[in-house]
Amino acid sequence: MIDIGLTKLAVIGVVALVVIGPEKLPTVARMAGSLFGRAQRYINEVKSEVSREIEIEELRKMQKDVQEAASGFESSVTQTIADTRDSLHSAWDDTPSATYVRTGTTEQLAIKAKNFRKKKLAKNSAVPGWYKNQSGRRVRVISGAARVSKYRPASTPKNSGSFYA
């Protein structure tokens, strides 16, 4: 890089004073300063743009790595699920009940369902309703407050505000 010291700047200033003249030197110096500022701003913009591009490239690389990791994880999970499904299917196929269900006809399944309904009906209605009512089985459920008001002794006034009265 160019090494400019104080003596070199003084020499450049004296030469500029002689060449340009004392009347135009302030305007030329102002214009040189503004051009120097523009150059610095342009260089800073270029630096920031390059750094942004580098960051974007790093982010793209990170995104690619994450996508590769996610796809690897997804494939491993899919493979594990497939292996588990295969082992469950093989275990299911080895059971004798599975062969019965597969070989059973629709008539056998209908008979089985009919027998189930008969058993359920017999279980629920084997005892007549009048006997259930006489044996003390509750048919209607009432709340605690309704039960208290229904079975309150007659000597206690019903409109009494106190529980202990």
C-alpha atoms as a PDB file:
ATOM      1  CA  MET A   1       0.000   0.000   0.000  1.00  0.00           C
ATOM      2  CA  ILE A   2       1.111   3.564  -0.539  1.00  0.00           C
ATOM      3  CA  ASP A   3       2.836   5.008   2.492  1.00  0.00           C
ATOM      4  CA  ILE A   4       2.161   8.731   2.729  1.00  0.00           C
ATOM      5  CA  GLY A   5       3.761  10.588   5.601  1.00  0.00           C
ATOM      6  CA  LEU A   6       3.419  14.150   6.862  1.00  0.00           C
ATOM      7  CA  THR A   7       6.324  15.447   4.755  1.00  0.00           C
ATOM      8  CA  LYS A   8       4.863  14.019   1.572  1.00  0.00           C
ATOM      9  CA  LEU A   9       1.485  15.616   2.315  1.00  0.00           C
ATOM     10  CA  ALA A  10       3.182  18.961   2.891  1.00  0.00           C
ATOM     11  CA  VAL A  11       5.004  18.693  -0.453  1.00  0.00           C
ATOM     12  CA  ILE A  12       1.734  17.790  -2.250  1.00  0.00           C
ATOM     13  CA  GLY A  13      -0.008  20.786  -0.594  1.00  0.00           C
ATOM     14  CA  VAL A  14       2.745  23.225  -1.667  1.00  0.00           C
ATOM     15  CA  VAL A  15       2.715  21.907  -5.248  1.00  0.00           C
ATOM     16  CA  ALA A  16      -1.099  22.175  -5.359  1.00  0.00           C
ATOM     17  CA  LEU A  17      -0.918  25.739  -4.041  1.00  0.00           C
ATOM     18  CA  VAL A  18       1.554  26.703  -6.739  1.00  0.00           C
ATOM     19  CA  VAL A  19      -0.199  24.884  -9.584  1.00  0.00           C
ATOM     20  CA  ILE A  20      -3.830  25.618  -8.751  1.00  0.00           C
ATOM     21  CA  GLY A  21      -3.447  28.952  -7.073  1.00  0.00           C
ATOM     22  CA  PRO A  22      -4.708  30.285  -3.762  1.00  0.00           C
ATOM     23  CA  GLU A  23      -8.165  31.305  -5.121  1.00  0.00           C
ATOM     24  CA  LYS A  24      -9.219  27.897  -6.451  1.00  0.00           C
ATOM     25  CA  LEU A  25      -7.483  25.746  -3.827  1.00  0.00           C
ATOM     26  CA  PRO A  26     -10.386  25.665  -1.305  1.00  0.00           C
ATOM     27  CA  THR A  27     -12.937  24.587  -3.963  1.00  0.00           C
ATOM     28  CA  VAL A  28     -10.559  21.960  -5.341  1.00  0.00           C
ATOM     29  CA  ALA A  29      -9.859  20.691  -1.806  1.00  0.00           C
ATOM     30  CA  ARG A  30     -13.618  20.548  -1.095  1.00  0.00           C
ATOM     31  CA  MET A  31     -14.225  18.663  -4.338  1.00  0.00           C
ATOM     32  CA  ALA A  32     -11.326  16.287  -3.621  1.00  0.00           C
ATOM     33  CA  GLY A  33     -12.751  15.647  -0.133  1.00  0.00           C
ATOM     34  CA  SER A  34     -16.224  14.899  -1.514  1.00  0.00           C
ATOM     35  CA  LEU A  35     -14.731  12.561  -4.130  1.00  0.00           C
ATOM     36  CA  PHE A  36     -12.672  10.863  -1.424  1.00  0.00           C
ATOM     37  CA  GLY A  37     -15.873  10.444   0.694  1.00  0.00           C
ATOM     38  CA  ARG A  38     -17.765   8.971  -2.248  1.00  0.00           C
ATOM     39  CA  ALA A  39     -14.907   6.551  -2.883  1.00  0.00           C
ATOM     40  CA  GLN A  40     -14.955   5.475   0.779  1.00  0.00           C
ATOM     41  CA  ARG A  41     -18.752   4.981   0.719  1.00  0.00           C
ATOM     42  CA  TYR A  42     -18.466   2.965  -2.503  1.00  0.00           C
ATOM     43  CA  ILE A  43     -15.717   0.790  -1.012  1.00  0.00           C
ATOM     44  CA  ASN A  44     -17.805   0.253   2.150  1.00  0.00           C
ATOM     45  CA  GLU A  45     -20.843  -0.728   0.056  1.00  0.00           C
ATOM     46  CA  VAL A  46     -18.756  -3.193  -1.928  1.00  0.00           C
ATOM     47  CA  LYS A  47     -17.341  -4.673   1.303  1.00  0.00           C
ATOM     48  CA  SER A  48     -20.804  -5.041   2.861  1.00  0.00           C
ATOM     49  CA  GLU A  49     -22.191  -6.595  -0.331  1.00  0.00           C
ATOM     50  CA  VAL A  50     -19.330  -9.096  -0.451  1.00  0.00           C
ATOM     51  CA  SER A  51     -19.847  -9.975   3.216  1.00  0.00           C
ATOM     52  CA  ARG A  52     -23.602 -10.425   2.599  1.00  0.00           C
ATOM     53  CA  GLU A  53     -22.869 -12.714  -0.329  1.00  0.00           C
ATOM     54  CA  ILE A  54     -20.494 -14.739   1.829  1.00  0.00           C
ATOM     55  CA  GLU A  55     -23.145 -14.997   4.576  1.00  0.00           C
ATOM     56  CA  ILE A  56     -25.777 -16.029   2.044  1.00  0.00           C
ATOM     57  CA  GLU A  57     -23.457 -18.688   0.672  1.00  0.00           C
ATOM     58  CA  GLU A  58     -22.805 -19.970   4.206  1.00  0.00           C
ATOM     59  CA  LEU A  59     -26.559 -20.033   4.888  1.00  0.00           C
ATOM     60  CA  ARG A  60     -27.173 -21.960   1.673  1.00  0.00           C
ATOM     61  CA  LYS A  61     -24.500 -24.443   2.670  1.00  0.00           C
ATOM     62  CA  MET A  62     -26.077 -24.802   6.123  1.00  0.00           C
ATOM     63  CA  GLN A  63     -29.523 -25.230   4.545  1.00  0.00           C
ATOM     64  CA  LYS A  64     -28.169 -27.939   2.265  1.00  0.00           C
ATOM     65  CA  ASP A  65     -26.582 -29.726   5.235  1.00  0.00           C
ATOM     66  CA  VAL A  66     -29.821 -29.537   7.228  1.00  0.00           C
ATOM     67  CA  GLN A  67     -31.852 -30.828   4.292  1.00  0.00           C
ATOM     68  CA  GLU A  68     -29.431 -33.729   3.834  1.00  0.00           C
ATOM     69  CA  ALA A  69     -29.654 -34.539   7.546  1.00  0.00           C
ATOM     70  CA  ALA A  70     -33.460 -34.339   7.445  1.00  0.00           C
ATOM     71  CA  SER A  71     -33.691 -36.580   4.404  1.00  0.00           C
ATOM     72  CA  GLY A  72     -31.320 -39.066   6.048  1.00  0.00           C
ATOM     73  CA  PHE A  73     -33.425 -39.031   9.206  1.00  0.00           C
ATOM     74  CA  GLU A  74     -36.611 -39.409   7.187  1.00  0.00           C
ATOM     75  CA  SER A  75     -35.216 -42.377   5.277  1.00  0.00           C
ATOM     76  CA  SER A  76     -34.057 -44.034   8.502  1.00  0.00           C
ATOM     77  CA  VAL A  77     -37.485 -43.524  10.105  1.00  0.00           C
ATOM     78  CA  THR A  78     -39.197 -44.852   6.982  1.00  0.00           C
ATOM     79  CA  GLN A  79     -36.899 -47.883   6.967  1.00  0.00           C
ATOM     80  CA  THR A  80     -37.567 -48.524  10.669  1.00  0.00           C
ATOM     81  CA  ILE A  81     -41.323 -48.264  10.143  1.00  0.00           C
ATOM     82  CA  ALA A  82     -41.150 -50.625   7.186  1.00  0.00           C
ATOM     83  CA  ASP A  83     -39.093 -53.148   9.184  1.00  0.00           C
ATOM     84  CA  THR A  84     -41.526 -52.946  12.099  1.00  0.00           C
ATOM     85  CA  ARG A  85     -44.502 -53.316   9.783  1.00  0.00           C
ATOM     86  CA  ASP A  86     -42.919 -56.370   8.141  1.00  0.00           C
ATOM     87  CA  SER A  87     -42.177 -57.982  11.492  1.00  0.00           C
ATOM     88  CA  LEU A  88     -45.736 -57.304  12.711  1.00  0.00           C
ATOM     89  CA  HIS A  89     -47.202 -58.742   9.528  1.00  0.00           C
ATOM     90  CA  SER A  90     -45.045 -61.819   9.818  1.00  0.00           C
ATOM     91  CA  ALA A  91     -46.037 -62.253  13.476  1.00  0.00           C
ATOM     92  CA  TRP A  92     -49.715 -61.716  12.592  1.00  0.00           C
ATOM     93  CA  ASP A  93     -49.543 -64.264   9.788  1.00  0.00           C
ATOM     94  CA  ASP A  94     -48.064 -66.875  12.142  1.00  0.00           C
ATOM     95  CA  THR A  95     -51.038 -66.803  14.586  1.00  0.00           C
ATOM     96  CA  PRO A  96     -53.730 -69.471  14.080  1.00  0.00           C
ATOM     97  CA  SER A  97     -56.608 -67.026  14.669  1.00  0.00           C
ATOM     98  CA  ALA A  98     -55.495 -65.006  11.675  1.00  0.00           C
ATOM     99  CA  THR A  99     -55.807 -68.062   9.445  1.00  0.00           C
ATOM    100  CA  TYR A 100     -59.296 -68.688  10.859  1.00  0.00           C
ATOM    101  CA  VAL A 101     -60.435 -65.164  10.085  1.00  0.00           C
ATOM    102  CA  ARG A 102     -58.993 -65.285   6.593  1.00  0.00           C
ATOM    103  CA  THR A 103     -60.467 -68.722   5.833  1.00  0.00           C
ATOM    104  CA  GLY A 104     -63.823 -68.034   7.540  1.00  0.00           C
ATOM    105  CA  THR A 105     -66.694 -67.328   5.240  1.00  0.00           C
ATOM    106  CA  THR A 106     -69.162 -64.517   5.590  1.00  0.00           C
ATOM    107  CA  GLU A 107     -71.804 -67.030   6.741  1.00  0.00           C
ATOM    108  CA  GLN A 108     -69.624 -68.093   9.669  1.00  0.00           C
ATOM    109  CA  LEU A 109     -69.031 -64.471  10.612  1.00  0.00           C
ATOM    110  CA  ALA A 110     -72.776 -63.729  10.445  1.00  0.00           C
ATOM    111  CA  ILE A 111     -73.549 -66.719  12.698  1.00  0.00           C
ATOM    112  CA  LYS A 112     -70.924 -65.598  15.167  1.00  0.00           C
ATOM    113  CA  ALA A 113     -72.375 -62.047  15.253  1.00  0.00           C
ATOM    114  CA  LYS A 114     -75.915 -63.433  15.718  1.00  0.00           C
ATOM    115  CA  ASN A 115     -74.793 -65.603  18.631  1.00  0.00           C
ATOM    116  CA  PHE A 116     -73.111 -62.606  20.225  1.00  0.00           C
ATOM    117  CA  ARG A 117     -76.305 -60.572  19.995  1.00  0.00           C
ATOM    118  CA  LYS A 118     -78.328 -63.446  21.505  1.00  0.00           C
ATOM    119  CA  LYS A 119     -75.934 -63.721  24.448  1.00  0.00           C
ATOM    120  CA  LYS A 120     -76.053 -59.979  25.043  1.00  0.00           C
ATOM    121  CA  LEU A 121     -79.853 -59.930  24.891  1.00  0.00           C
ATOM    122  CA  ALA A 122     -80.121 -62.889  27.263  1.00  0.00           C
ATOM    123  CA  LYS A 123     -77.716 -61.292  29.706  1.00  0.00           C
ATOM    124  CA  ASN A 124     -79.592 -57.991  29.796  1.00  0.00           C
ATOM    125  CA  SER A 125     -83.198 -59.251  29.728  1.00  0.00           C
ATOM    126  CA  ALA A 126     -83.126 -62.635  31.458  1.00  0.00           C
ATOM    127  CA  VAL A 127     -84.706 -61.131  34.592  1.00  0.00           C
ATOM    128  CA  PRO A 128     -88.120 -59.525  34.093  1.00  0.00           C
ATOM    129  CA  GLY A 129     -88.482 -55.832  34.770  1.00  0.00           C
ATOM    130  CA  TRP A 130     -91.163 -56.268  37.490  1.00  0.00           C
ATOM    131  CA  TYR A 131     -88.799 -58.482  39.462  1.00  0.00           C
ATOM    132  CA  LYS A 132     -86.003 -55.932  39.158  1.00  0.00           C
ATOM    133  CA  ASN A 133     -88.334 -53.242  40.542  1.00  0.00           C
ATOM    134  CA  GLN A 134     -89.453 -55.426  43.494  1.00  0.00           C
ATOM    135  CA  SER A 135     -85.969 -56.546  44.434  1.00  0.00           C
ATOM    136  CA  GLY A 136     -84.896 -52.997  45.204  1.00  0.00           C
ATOM    137  CA  ARG A 137     -82.779 -52.345  42.185  1.00  0.00           C
ATOM    138  CA  ARG A 138     -82.827 -48.662  41.299  1.00  0.00           C
ATOM    139  CA  VAL A 139     -84.465 -47.874  38.026  1.00  0.00           C
ATOM    140  CA  ARG A 140     -84.530 -44.076  38.284  1.00  0.00           C
ATOM    141  CA  VAL A 141     -81.673 -42.107  39.791  1.00  0.00           C
ATOM    142  CA  ILE A 142     -82.488 -38.836  41.566  1.00  0.00           C
ATOM    143  CA  SER A 143     -80.192 -36.189  42.969  1.00  0.00           C
ATOM    144  CA  GLY A 144     -79.286 -35.939  46.642  1.00  0.00           C
ATOM    145  CA  ALA A 145     -81.361 -32.781  47.197  1.00  0.00           C
ATOM    146  CA  ALA A 146     -84.420 -34.354  45.586  1.00  0.00           C
ATOM    147  CA  ARG A 147     -83.979 -37.475  47.722  1.00  0.00           C
ATOM    148  CA  VAL A 148     -83.764 -35.385  50.932  1.00  0.00           C
ATOM    149  CA  SER A 149     -86.921 -33.446  50.081  1.00  0.00           C
ATOM    150  CA  LYS A 150     -88.778 -36.639  49.154  1.00  0.00           C
ATOM    151  CA  TYR A 151     -87.887 -38.575  52.298  1.00  0.00           C
ATOM    152  CA  ARG A 152     -87.894 -35.684  54.830  1.00  0.00           C
ATOM    153  CA  PRO A 153     -89.850 -36.512  57.994  1.00  0.00           C
ATOM    154  CA  ALA A 154     -93.251 -34.818  58.263  1.00  0.00           C
ATOM    155  CA  SER A 155     -92.520 -33.241  61.675  1.00  0.00           C
ATOM    156  CA  THR A 156     -89.834 -30.964  60.166  1.00  0.00           C
ATOM    157  CA  PRO A 157     -91.274 -27.913  58.424  1.00  0.00           C
ATOM    158  CA  LYS A 158     -90.347 -27.844  54.739  1.00  0.00           C
ATOM    159  CA  ASN A 159     -89.831 -24.085  54.541  1.00  0.00           C
ATOM    160  CA  SER A 160     -87.350 -23.953  57.391  1.00  0.00           C
ATOM    161  CA  GLY A 161     -84.276 -22.019  56.346  1.00  0.00           C
ATOM    162  CA  SER A 162     -81.867 -23.799  58.680  1.00  0.00           C
ATOM    163  CA  PHE A 163     -80.576 -27.317  58.246  1.00  0.00           C
ATOM    164  CA  TYR A 164     -80.318 -27.874  62.026  1.00  0.00           C
ATOM    165  CA  ALA A 165     -83.781 -26.520  62.930  1.00  0.00           C
END
